[in-house]
Amino acid sequence: MNDTLANLVVGLASLVSLICFILVLIQMFQRGATGMGIACIVLGFCCGLGGLIAFVYGWTKARPWNMNNLMTVWTVAAVIDVVAGIMNPAPIWIVRDTLHF
């Protein structure tokens, strides 16, 4: 996979993941899980764990909140993001060469 295609795939998958994260946050606030929504936003900005917490919480509430399709799309986007990143680790080598490791 060439760099441009891999970057495009990672970018699109990341954008889909971000949109799914926002939609799950909206569901949290609409369904009365305001504390969890605020925690996901704060932890997302502070240490990046908000997305993971929202992902797990979203899957636990997927059936009661009728968002199985949303969570499936988010899972597929996350898997594509990871696989595309593994198949093209070019940015890692650029950082390594820049830092002279």
PDB file of N, CA and C in Angstrom:
ATOM      1  N   MET A   1       0.859  -1.168   0.000  1.00  0.00           N
ATOM      2  CA  MET A   1       0.000   0.000   0.000  1.00  0.00           C
ATOM      3  C   MET A   1       0.906   1.232   0.000  1.00  0.00           C
ATOM      4  N   ASN A   2       0.676   2.141  -0.942  1.00  0.00           N
ATOM      5  CA  ASN A   2       1.537   3.317  -0.975  1.00  0.00           C
ATOM      6  C   ASN A   2       1.117   4.314   0.101  1.00  0.00           C
ATOM      7  N   ASP A   3       2.004   5.274   0.340  1.00  0.00           N
ATOM      8  CA  ASP A   3       1.789   6.206   1.449  1.00  0.00           C
ATOM      9  C   ASP A   3       0.526   7.043   1.290  1.00  0.00           C
ATOM     10  N   THR A   4       0.273   7.522   0.092  1.00  0.00           N
ATOM     11  CA  THR A   4      -0.887   8.382  -0.122  1.00  0.00           C
ATOM     12  C   THR A   4      -2.187   7.635   0.124  1.00  0.00           C
ATOM     13  N   LEU A   5      -2.290   6.428  -0.395  1.00  0.00           N
ATOM     14  CA  LEU A   5      -3.499   5.638  -0.195  1.00  0.00           C
ATOM     15  C   LEU A   5      -3.680   5.283   1.272  1.00  0.00           C
ATOM     16  N   ALA A   6      -2.596   4.898   1.928  1.00  0.00           N
ATOM     17  CA  ALA A   6      -2.686   4.552   3.352  1.00  0.00           C
ATOM     18  C   ALA A   6      -3.100   5.760   4.180  1.00  0.00           C
ATOM     19  N   ASN A   7      -2.538   6.913   3.869  1.00  0.00           N
ATOM     20  CA  ASN A   7      -2.910   8.128   4.602  1.00  0.00           C
ATOM     21  C   ASN A   7      -4.374   8.480   4.362  1.00  0.00           C
ATOM     22  N   LEU A   8      -4.859   8.275   3.148  1.00  0.00           N
ATOM     23  CA  LEU A   8      -6.258   8.535   2.840  1.00  0.00           C
ATOM     24  C   LEU A   8      -7.178   7.582   3.609  1.00  0.00           C
ATOM     25  N   VAL A   9      -6.806   6.296   3.631  1.00  0.00           N
ATOM     26  CA  VAL A   9      -7.618   5.302   4.343  1.00  0.00           C
ATOM     27  C   VAL A   9      -7.633   5.599   5.840  1.00  0.00           C
ATOM     28  N   VAL A  10      -6.470   5.892   6.408  1.00  0.00           N
ATOM     29  CA  VAL A  10      -6.400   6.213   7.843  1.00  0.00           C
ATOM     30  C   VAL A  10      -7.193   7.479   8.140  1.00  0.00           C
ATOM     31  N   GLY A  11      -7.078   8.475   7.281  1.00  0.00           N
ATOM     32  CA  GLY A  11      -7.811   9.724   7.490  1.00  0.00           C
ATOM     33  C   GLY A  11      -9.316   9.532   7.443  1.00  0.00           C
ATOM     34  N   LEU A  12      -9.800   8.781   6.455  1.00  0.00           N
ATOM     35  CA  LEU A  12     -11.241   8.537   6.353  1.00  0.00           C
ATOM     36  C   LEU A  12     -11.754   7.700   7.520  1.00  0.00           C
ATOM     37  N   ALA A  13     -11.004   6.656   7.887  1.00  0.00           N
ATOM     38  CA  ALA A  13     -11.422   5.819   9.008  1.00  0.00           C
ATOM     39  C   ALA A  13     -11.424   6.615  10.315  1.00  0.00           C
ATOM     40  N   SER A  14     -10.446   7.495  10.475  1.00  0.00           N
ATOM     41  CA  SER A  14     -10.394   8.325  11.676  1.00  0.00           C
ATOM     42  C   SER A  14     -11.547   9.313  11.714  1.00  0.00           C
ATOM     43  N   LEU A  15     -11.892   9.870  10.566  1.00  0.00           N
ATOM     44  CA  LEU A  15     -13.028  10.792  10.492  1.00  0.00           C
ATOM     45  C   LEU A  15     -14.335  10.077  10.840  1.00  0.00           C
ATOM     46  N   VAL A  16     -14.518   8.875  10.318  1.00  0.00           N
ATOM     47  CA  VAL A  16     -15.712   8.092  10.639  1.00  0.00           C
ATOM     48  C   VAL A  16     -15.738   7.773  12.135  1.00  0.00           C
ATOM     49  N   SER A  17     -14.591   7.434  12.700  1.00  0.00           N
ATOM     50  CA  SER A  17     -14.522   7.150  14.137  1.00  0.00           C
ATOM     51  C   SER A  17     -14.884   8.381  14.962  1.00  0.00           C
ATOM     52  N   LEU A  18     -14.402   9.541  14.554  1.00  0.00           N
ATOM     53  CA  LEU A  18     -14.725  10.769  15.270  1.00  0.00           C
ATOM     54  C   LEU A  18     -16.216  11.067  15.204  1.00  0.00           C
ATOM     55  N   ILE A  19     -16.818  10.893  14.037  1.00  0.00           N
ATOM     56  CA  ILE A  19     -18.251  11.126  13.893  1.00  0.00           C
ATOM     57  C   ILE A  19     -19.042  10.152  14.767  1.00  0.00           C
ATOM     58  N   CYS A  20     -18.621   8.887  14.787  1.00  0.00           N
ATOM     59  CA  CYS A  20     -19.306   7.898  15.638  1.00  0.00           C
ATOM     60  C   CYS A  20     -19.159   8.247  17.114  1.00  0.00           C
ATOM     61  N   PHE A  21     -17.985   8.714  17.513  1.00  0.00           N
ATOM     62  CA  PHE A  21     -17.752   9.139  18.891  1.00  0.00           C
ATOM     63  C   PHE A  21     -18.715  10.262  19.263  1.00  0.00           C
ATOM     64  N   ILE A  22     -18.849  11.240  18.385  1.00  0.00           N
ATOM     65  CA  ILE A  22     -19.750  12.364  18.650  1.00  0.00           C
ATOM     66  C   ILE A  22     -21.196  11.888  18.736  1.00  0.00           C
ATOM     67  N   LEU A  23     -21.595  10.966  17.860  1.00  0.00           N
ATOM     68  CA  LEU A  23     -22.967  10.455  17.896  1.00  0.00           C
ATOM     69  C   LEU A  23     -23.249   9.672  19.175  1.00  0.00           C
ATOM     70  N   VAL A  24     -22.266   8.919  19.659  1.00  0.00           N
ATOM     71  CA  VAL A  24     -22.443   8.195  20.929  1.00  0.00           C
ATOM     72  C   VAL A  24     -22.534   9.193  22.078  1.00  0.00           C
ATOM     73  N   LEU A  25     -21.727  10.251  22.037  1.00  0.00           N
ATOM     74  CA  LEU A  25     -21.821  11.281  23.075  1.00  0.00           C
ATOM     75  C   LEU A  25     -23.204  11.930  23.079  1.00  0.00           C
ATOM     76  N   ILE A  26     -23.739  12.201  21.905  1.00  0.00           N
ATOM     77  CA  ILE A  26     -25.077  12.783  21.817  1.00  0.00           C
ATOM     78  C   ILE A  26     -26.103  11.839  22.445  1.00  0.00           C
ATOM     79  N   GLN A  27     -25.968  10.544  22.155  1.00  0.00           N
ATOM     80  CA  GLN A  27     -26.889   9.562  22.755  1.00  0.00           C
ATOM     81  C   GLN A  27     -26.756   9.552  24.279  1.00  0.00           C
ATOM     82  N   MET A  28     -25.531   9.683  24.777  1.00  0.00           N
ATOM     83  CA  MET A  28     -25.334   9.702  26.230  1.00  0.00           C
ATOM     84  C   MET A  28     -26.095  10.853  26.861  1.00  0.00           C
ATOM     85  N   PHE A  29     -25.977  12.030  26.279  1.00  0.00           N
ATOM     86  CA  PHE A  29     -26.667  13.190  26.843  1.00  0.00           C
ATOM     87  C   PHE A  29     -28.179  13.077  26.686  1.00  0.00           C
ATOM     88  N   GLN A  30     -28.650  12.534  25.577  1.00  0.00           N
ATOM     89  CA  GLN A  30     -30.089  12.390  25.375  1.00  0.00           C
ATOM     90  C   GLN A  30     -30.703  11.327  26.277  1.00  0.00           C
ATOM     91  N   ARG A  31     -29.940  10.318  26.637  1.00  0.00           N
ATOM     92  CA  ARG A  31     -30.473   9.199  27.432  1.00  0.00           C
ATOM     93  C   ARG A  31     -30.221   9.341  28.925  1.00  0.00           C
ATOM     94  N   GLY A  32     -29.709  10.476  29.364  1.00  0.00           N
ATOM     95  CA  GLY A  32     -29.549  10.720  30.789  1.00  0.00           C
ATOM     96  C   GLY A  32     -28.222  10.292  31.373  1.00  0.00           C
ATOM     97  N   ALA A  33     -27.270   9.895  30.549  1.00  0.00           N
ATOM     98  CA  ALA A  33     -25.943   9.525  31.037  1.00  0.00           C
ATOM     99  C   ALA A  33     -25.010  10.724  30.902  1.00  0.00           C
ATOM    100  N   THR A  34     -25.435  11.848  31.471  1.00  0.00           N
ATOM    101  CA  THR A  34     -24.695  13.099  31.336  1.00  0.00           C
ATOM    102  C   THR A  34     -23.310  13.014  31.966  1.00  0.00           C
ATOM    103  N   GLY A  35     -23.226  12.395  33.118  1.00  0.00           N
ATOM    104  CA  GLY A  35     -21.931  12.254  33.794  1.00  0.00           C
ATOM    105  C   GLY A  35     -20.939  11.470  32.958  1.00  0.00           C
ATOM    106  N   MET A  36     -21.412  10.403  32.342  1.00  0.00           N
ATOM    107  CA  MET A  36     -20.542   9.598  31.482  1.00  0.00           C
ATOM    108  C   MET A  36     -20.131  10.400  30.250  1.00  0.00           C
ATOM    109  N   GLY A  37     -21.050  11.165  29.699  1.00  0.00           N
ATOM    110  CA  GLY A  37     -20.726  11.992  28.540  1.00  0.00           C
ATOM    111  C   GLY A  37     -19.675  13.033  28.858  1.00  0.00           C
ATOM    112  N   ILE A  38     -19.838  13.709  29.987  1.00  0.00           N
ATOM    113  CA  ILE A  38     -18.851  14.712  30.402  1.00  0.00           C
ATOM    114  C   ILE A  38     -17.509  14.052  30.676  1.00  0.00           C
ATOM    115  N   ALA A  39     -17.528  12.886  31.338  1.00  0.00           N
ATOM    116  CA  ALA A  39     -16.278  12.175  31.617  1.00  0.00           C
ATOM    117  C   ALA A  39     -15.564  11.790  30.330  1.00  0.00           C
ATOM    118  N   CYS A  40     -16.305  11.352  29.327  1.00  0.00           N
ATOM    119  CA  CYS A  40     -15.690  10.977  28.048  1.00  0.00           C
ATOM    120  C   CYS A  40     -15.079  12.179  27.349  1.00  0.00           C
ATOM    121  N   ILE A  41     -15.758  13.315  27.409  1.00  0.00           N
ATOM    122  CA  ILE A  41     -15.220  14.528  26.785  1.00  0.00           C
ATOM    123  C   ILE A  41     -13.950  14.976  27.505  1.00  0.00           C
ATOM    124  N   VAL A  42     -14.000  15.047  28.838  1.00  0.00           N
ATOM    125  CA  VAL A  42     -12.839  15.508  29.610  1.00  0.00           C
ATOM    126  C   VAL A  42     -11.663  14.548  29.443  1.00  0.00           C
ATOM    127  N   LEU A  43     -11.923  13.244  29.566  1.00  0.00           N
ATOM    128  CA  LEU A  43     -10.840  12.275  29.426  1.00  0.00           C
ATOM    129  C   LEU A  43     -10.327  12.202  27.996  1.00  0.00           C
ATOM    130  N   GLY A  44     -11.175  12.519  27.029  1.00  0.00           N
ATOM    131  CA  GLY A  44     -10.726  12.568  25.646  1.00  0.00           C
ATOM    132  C   GLY A  44      -9.721  13.675  25.425  1.00  0.00           C
ATOM    133  N   PHE A  45      -9.975  14.829  26.030  1.00  0.00           N
ATOM    134  CA  PHE A  45      -9.047  15.947  25.874  1.00  0.00           C
ATOM    135  C   PHE A  45      -7.811  15.806  26.755  1.00  0.00           C
ATOM    136  N   CYS A  46      -7.968  15.254  27.949  1.00  0.00           N
ATOM    137  CA  CYS A  46      -6.842  15.157  28.885  1.00  0.00           C
ATOM    138  C   CYS A  46      -5.852  14.058  28.518  1.00  0.00           C
ATOM    139  N   CYS A  47      -6.346  12.848  28.302  1.00  0.00           N
ATOM    140  CA  CYS A  47      -5.421  11.737  28.103  1.00  0.00           C
ATOM    141  C   CYS A  47      -5.818  10.794  26.977  1.00  0.00           C
ATOM    142  N   GLY A  48      -6.836  11.130  26.226  1.00  0.00           N
ATOM    143  CA  GLY A  48      -7.212  10.317  25.083  1.00  0.00           C
ATOM    144  C   GLY A  48      -8.022   9.066  25.394  1.00  0.00           C
ATOM    145  N   LEU A  49      -8.423   8.880  26.637  1.00  0.00           N
ATOM    146  CA  LEU A  49      -9.177   7.690  27.006  1.00  0.00           C
ATOM    147  C   LEU A  49     -10.680   7.837  26.813  1.00  0.00           C
ATOM    148  N   GLY A  50     -11.150   9.026  26.530  1.00  0.00           N
ATOM    149  CA  GLY A  50     -12.576   9.252  26.388  1.00  0.00           C
ATOM    150  C   GLY A  50     -13.188   8.454  25.251  1.00  0.00           C
ATOM    151  N   GLY A  51     -12.463   8.342  24.147  1.00  0.00           N
ATOM    152  CA  GLY A  51     -12.961   7.568  23.013  1.00  0.00           C
ATOM    153  C   GLY A  51     -13.105   6.099  23.338  1.00  0.00           C
ATOM    154  N   LEU A  52     -12.123   5.549  24.038  1.00  0.00           N
ATOM    155  CA  LEU A  52     -12.182   4.140  24.420  1.00  0.00           C
ATOM    156  C   LEU A  52     -13.336   3.881  25.393  1.00  0.00           C
ATOM    157  N   ILE A  53     -13.509   4.777  26.340  1.00  0.00           N
ATOM    158  CA  ILE A  53     -14.599   4.616  27.305  1.00  0.00           C
ATOM    159  C   ILE A  53     -15.950   4.726  26.603  1.00  0.00           C
ATOM    160  N   ALA A  54     -16.076   5.693  25.692  1.00  0.00           N
ATOM    161  CA  ALA A  54     -17.327   5.841  24.944  1.00  0.00           C
ATOM    162  C   ALA A  54     -17.576   4.624  24.059  1.00  0.00           C
ATOM    163  N   PHE A  55     -16.520   4.055  23.497  1.00  0.00           N
ATOM    164  CA  PHE A  55     -16.646   2.875  22.653  1.00  0.00           C
ATOM    165  C   PHE A  55     -17.181   1.691  23.454  1.00  0.00           C
ATOM    166  N   VAL A  56     -16.584   1.428  24.588  1.00  0.00           N
ATOM    167  CA  VAL A  56     -17.021   0.309  25.440  1.00  0.00           C
ATOM    168  C   VAL A  56     -18.423   0.567  25.982  1.00  0.00           C
ATOM    169  N   TYR A  57     -18.677   1.774  26.456  1.00  0.00           N
ATOM    170  CA  TYR A  57     -20.002   2.105  26.986  1.00  0.00           C
ATOM    171  C   TYR A  57     -21.056   2.046  25.888  1.00  0.00           C
ATOM    172  N   GLY A  58     -20.677   2.477  24.684  1.00  0.00           N
ATOM    173  CA  GLY A  58     -21.596   2.406  23.559  1.00  0.00           C
ATOM    174  C   GLY A  58     -21.988   0.977  23.227  1.00  0.00           C
ATOM    175  N   TRP A  59     -21.015   0.065  23.292  1.00  0.00           N
ATOM    176  CA  TRP A  59     -21.355  -1.337  23.022  1.00  0.00           C
ATOM    177  C   TRP A  59     -22.217  -1.932  24.133  1.00  0.00           C
ATOM    178  N   THR A  60     -22.003  -1.495  25.362  1.00  0.00           N
ATOM    179  CA  THR A  60     -22.836  -2.029  26.445  1.00  0.00           C
ATOM    180  C   THR A  60     -24.274  -1.512  26.347  1.00  0.00           C
ATOM    181  N   LYS A  61     -24.458  -0.349  25.766  1.00  0.00           N
ATOM    182  CA  LYS A  61     -25.798   0.237  25.629  1.00  0.00           C
ATOM    183  C   LYS A  61     -26.332   0.152  24.198  1.00  0.00           C
ATOM    184  N   ALA A  62     -25.690  -0.610  23.325  1.00  0.00           N
ATOM    185  CA  ALA A  62     -26.076  -0.649  21.912  1.00  0.00           C
ATOM    186  C   ALA A  62     -27.499  -1.150  21.714  1.00  0.00           C
ATOM    187  N   ARG A  63     -27.875  -2.223  22.384  1.00  0.00           N
ATOM    188  CA  ARG A  63     -29.240  -2.757  22.213  1.00  0.00           C
ATOM    189  C   ARG A  63     -30.296  -1.875  22.875  1.00  0.00           C
ATOM    190  N   PRO A  64     -30.117  -1.515  24.152  1.00  0.00           N
ATOM    191  CA  PRO A  64     -31.168  -0.694  24.764  1.00  0.00           C
ATOM    192  C   PRO A  64     -31.355   0.668  24.075  1.00  0.00           C
ATOM    193  N   TRP A  65     -30.283   1.222  23.550  1.00  0.00           N
ATOM    194  CA  TRP A  65     -30.364   2.535  22.909  1.00  0.00           C
ATOM    195  C   TRP A  65     -30.549   2.423  21.395  1.00  0.00           C
ATOM    196  N   ASN A  66     -30.677   1.203  20.884  1.00  0.00           N
ATOM    197  CA  ASN A  66     -30.906   0.950  19.464  1.00  0.00           C
ATOM    198  C   ASN A  66     -29.846   1.611  18.576  1.00  0.00           C
ATOM    199  N   MET A  67     -28.581   1.327  18.870  1.00  0.00           N
ATOM    200  CA  MET A  67     -27.496   1.874  18.053  1.00  0.00           C
ATOM    201  C   MET A  67     -26.485   0.795  17.668  1.00  0.00           C
ATOM    202  N   ASN A  68     -26.995  -0.404  17.371  1.00  0.00           N
ATOM    203  CA  ASN A  68     -26.129  -1.492  16.928  1.00  0.00           C
ATOM    204  C   ASN A  68     -25.401  -1.142  15.633  1.00  0.00           C
ATOM    205  N   ASN A  69     -26.111  -0.535  14.688  1.00  0.00           N
ATOM    206  CA  ASN A  69     -25.485  -0.180  13.414  1.00  0.00           C
ATOM    207  C   ASN A  69     -24.378   0.849  13.601  1.00  0.00           C
ATOM    208  N   LEU A  70     -24.626   1.834  14.440  1.00  0.00           N
ATOM    209  CA  LEU A  70     -23.613   2.851  14.716  1.00  0.00           C
ATOM    210  C   LEU A  70     -22.365   2.224  15.320  1.00  0.00           C
ATOM    211  N   MET A  71     -22.546   1.340  16.284  1.00  0.00           N
ATOM    212  CA  MET A  71     -21.392   0.720  16.939  1.00  0.00           C
ATOM    213  C   MET A  71     -20.659  -0.222  15.985  1.00  0.00           C
ATOM    214  N   THR A  72     -21.391  -0.869  15.089  1.00  0.00           N
ATOM    215  CA  THR A  72     -20.746  -1.730  14.091  1.00  0.00           C
ATOM    216  C   THR A  72     -19.898  -0.895  13.140  1.00  0.00           C
ATOM    217  N   VAL A  73     -20.436   0.229  12.696  1.00  0.00           N
ATOM    218  CA  VAL A  73     -19.663   1.122  11.822  1.00  0.00           C
ATOM    219  C   VAL A  73     -18.425   1.624  12.541  1.00  0.00           C
ATOM    220  N   TRP A  74     -18.559   1.999  13.813  1.00  0.00           N
ATOM    221  CA  TRP A  74     -17.415   2.494  14.576  1.00  0.00           C
ATOM    222  C   TRP A  74     -16.365   1.390  14.730  1.00  0.00           C
ATOM    223  N   THR A  75     -16.792   0.167  14.984  1.00  0.00           N
ATOM    224  CA  THR A  75     -15.850  -0.945  15.123  1.00  0.00           C
ATOM    225  C   THR A  75     -15.110  -1.205  13.819  1.00  0.00           C
ATOM    226  N   VAL A  76     -15.832  -1.226  12.708  1.00  0.00           N
ATOM    227  CA  VAL A  76     -15.190  -1.453  11.408  1.00  0.00           C
ATOM    228  C   VAL A  76     -14.204  -0.330  11.101  1.00  0.00           C
ATOM    229  N   ALA A  77     -14.582   0.915  11.379  1.00  0.00           N
ATOM    230  CA  ALA A  77     -13.680   2.041  11.144  1.00  0.00           C
ATOM    231  C   ALA A  77     -12.428   1.940  12.006  1.00  0.00           C
ATOM    232  N   ALA A  78     -12.583   1.523  13.253  1.00  0.00           N
ATOM    233  CA  ALA A  78     -11.424   1.382  14.142  1.00  0.00           C
ATOM    234  C   ALA A  78     -10.499   0.265  13.663  1.00  0.00           C
ATOM    235  N   VAL A  79     -11.071  -0.845  13.217  1.00  0.00           N
ATOM    236  CA  VAL A  79     -10.249  -1.954  12.709  1.00  0.00           C
ATOM    237  C   VAL A  79      -9.516  -1.534  11.443  1.00  0.00           C
ATOM    238  N   ILE A  80     -10.204  -0.855  10.530  1.00  0.00           N
ATOM    239  CA  ILE A  80      -9.559  -0.375   9.305  1.00  0.00           C
ATOM    240  C   ILE A  80      -8.440   0.601   9.647  1.00  0.00           C
ATOM    241  N   ASP A  81      -8.672   1.461  10.610  1.00  0.00           N
ATOM    242  CA  ASP A  81      -7.662   2.426  11.042  1.00  0.00           C
ATOM    243  C   ASP A  81      -6.412   1.718  11.560  1.00  0.00           C
ATOM    244  N   VAL A  82      -6.597   0.726  12.395  1.00  0.00           N
ATOM    245  CA  VAL A  82      -5.454  -0.011  12.960  1.00  0.00           C
ATOM    246  C   VAL A  82      -4.726  -0.805  11.877  1.00  0.00           C
ATOM    247  N   VAL A  83      -5.476  -1.508  11.040  1.00  0.00           N
ATOM    248  CA  VAL A  83      -4.850  -2.331   9.990  1.00  0.00           C
ATOM    249  C   VAL A  83      -4.090  -1.455   9.001  1.00  0.00           C
ATOM    250  N   ALA A  84      -4.671  -0.336   8.585  1.00  0.00           N
ATOM    251  CA  ALA A  84      -3.987   0.556   7.650  1.00  0.00           C
ATOM    252  C   ALA A  84      -2.737   1.155   8.292  1.00  0.00           C
ATOM    253  N   GLY A  85      -2.801   1.446   9.569  1.00  0.00           N
ATOM    254  CA  GLY A  85      -1.623   1.958  10.267  1.00  0.00           C
ATOM    255  C   GLY A  85      -0.517   0.925  10.390  1.00  0.00           C
ATOM    256  N   ILE A  86      -0.894  -0.335  10.564  1.00  0.00           N
ATOM    257  CA  ILE A  86       0.102  -1.407  10.657  1.00  0.00           C
ATOM    258  C   ILE A  86       0.720  -1.686   9.294  1.00  0.00           C
ATOM    259  N   MET A  87      -0.106  -1.646   8.258  1.00  0.00           N
ATOM    260  CA  MET A  87       0.399  -1.948   6.917  1.00  0.00           C
ATOM    261  C   MET A  87       1.319  -0.863   6.379  1.00  0.00           C
ATOM    262  N   ASN A  88       1.188   0.351   6.865  1.00  0.00           N
ATOM    263  CA  ASN A  88       2.017   1.449   6.387  1.00  0.00           C
ATOM    264  C   ASN A  88       2.570   2.247   7.569  1.00  0.00           C
ATOM    265  N   PRO A  89       3.635   1.754   8.182  1.00  0.00           N
ATOM    266  CA  PRO A  89       4.186   2.453   9.353  1.00  0.00           C
ATOM    267  C   PRO A  89       5.147   3.569   8.981  1.00  0.00           C
ATOM    268  N   ALA A  90       4.968   4.198   7.834  1.00  0.00           N
ATOM    269  CA  ALA A  90       5.890   5.229   7.351  1.00  0.00           C
ATOM    270  C   ALA A  90       6.076   6.375   8.336  1.00  0.00           C
ATOM    271  N   PRO A  91       5.029   6.922   8.947  1.00  0.00           N
ATOM    272  CA  PRO A  91       5.259   8.031   9.871  1.00  0.00           C
ATOM    273  C   PRO A  91       6.182   7.662  11.037  1.00  0.00           C
ATOM    274  N   ILE A  92       6.156   6.411  11.456  1.00  0.00           N
ATOM    275  CA  ILE A  92       7.045   5.990  12.544  1.00  0.00           C
ATOM    276  C   ILE A  92       8.503   6.096  12.101  1.00  0.00           C
ATOM    277  N   TRP A  93       8.781   5.677  10.869  1.00  0.00           N
ATOM    278  CA  TRP A  93      10.158   5.749  10.375  1.00  0.00           C
ATOM    279  C   TRP A  93      10.601   7.195  10.184  1.00  0.00           C
ATOM    280  N   ILE A  94       9.699   8.053   9.791  1.00  0.00           N
ATOM    281  CA  ILE A  94      10.053   9.465   9.639  1.00  0.00           C
ATOM    282  C   ILE A  94      10.430  10.063  10.987  1.00  0.00           C
ATOM    283  N   VAL A  95       9.663   9.749  12.013  1.00  0.00           N
ATOM    284  CA  VAL A  95       9.984  10.242  13.357  1.00  0.00           C
ATOM    285  C   VAL A  95      11.316   9.679  13.830  1.00  0.00           C
ATOM    286  N   ARG A  96      11.534   8.378  13.581  1.00  0.00           N
ATOM    287  CA  ARG A  96      12.792   7.758  13.997  1.00  0.00           C
ATOM    288  C   ARG A  96      13.973   8.414  13.310  1.00  0.00           C
ATOM    289  N   ASP A  97      13.870   8.663  12.007  1.00  0.00           N
ATOM    290  CA  ASP A  97      14.978   9.291  11.277  1.00  0.00           C
ATOM    291  C   ASP A  97      15.179  10.743  11.715  1.00  0.00           C
ATOM    292  N   THR A  98      14.096  11.423  12.025  1.00  0.00           N
ATOM    293  CA  THR A  98      14.191  12.808  12.475  1.00  0.00           C
ATOM    294  C   THR A  98      14.894  12.890  13.824  1.00  0.00           C
ATOM    295  N   LEU A  99      14.600  11.966  14.702  1.00  0.00           N
ATOM    296  CA  LEU A  99      15.196  11.983  16.050  1.00  0.00           C
ATOM    297  C   LEU A  99      16.542  11.257  16.101  1.00  0.00           C
ATOM    298  N   HIS A 100      16.950  10.699  14.970  1.00  0.00           N
ATOM    299  CA  HIS A 100      18.249  10.011  14.841  1.00  0.00           C
ATOM    300  C   HIS A 100      18.411   8.836  15.802  1.00  0.00           C
ATOM    301  N   PHE A 101      17.400   7.987  15.859  1.00  0.00           N
ATOM    302  CA  PHE A 101      17.473   6.774  16.666  1.00  0.00           C
ATOM    303  C   PHE A 101      18.138   5.688  15.879  1.00  0.00           C
TER     304      PHE A 101
END
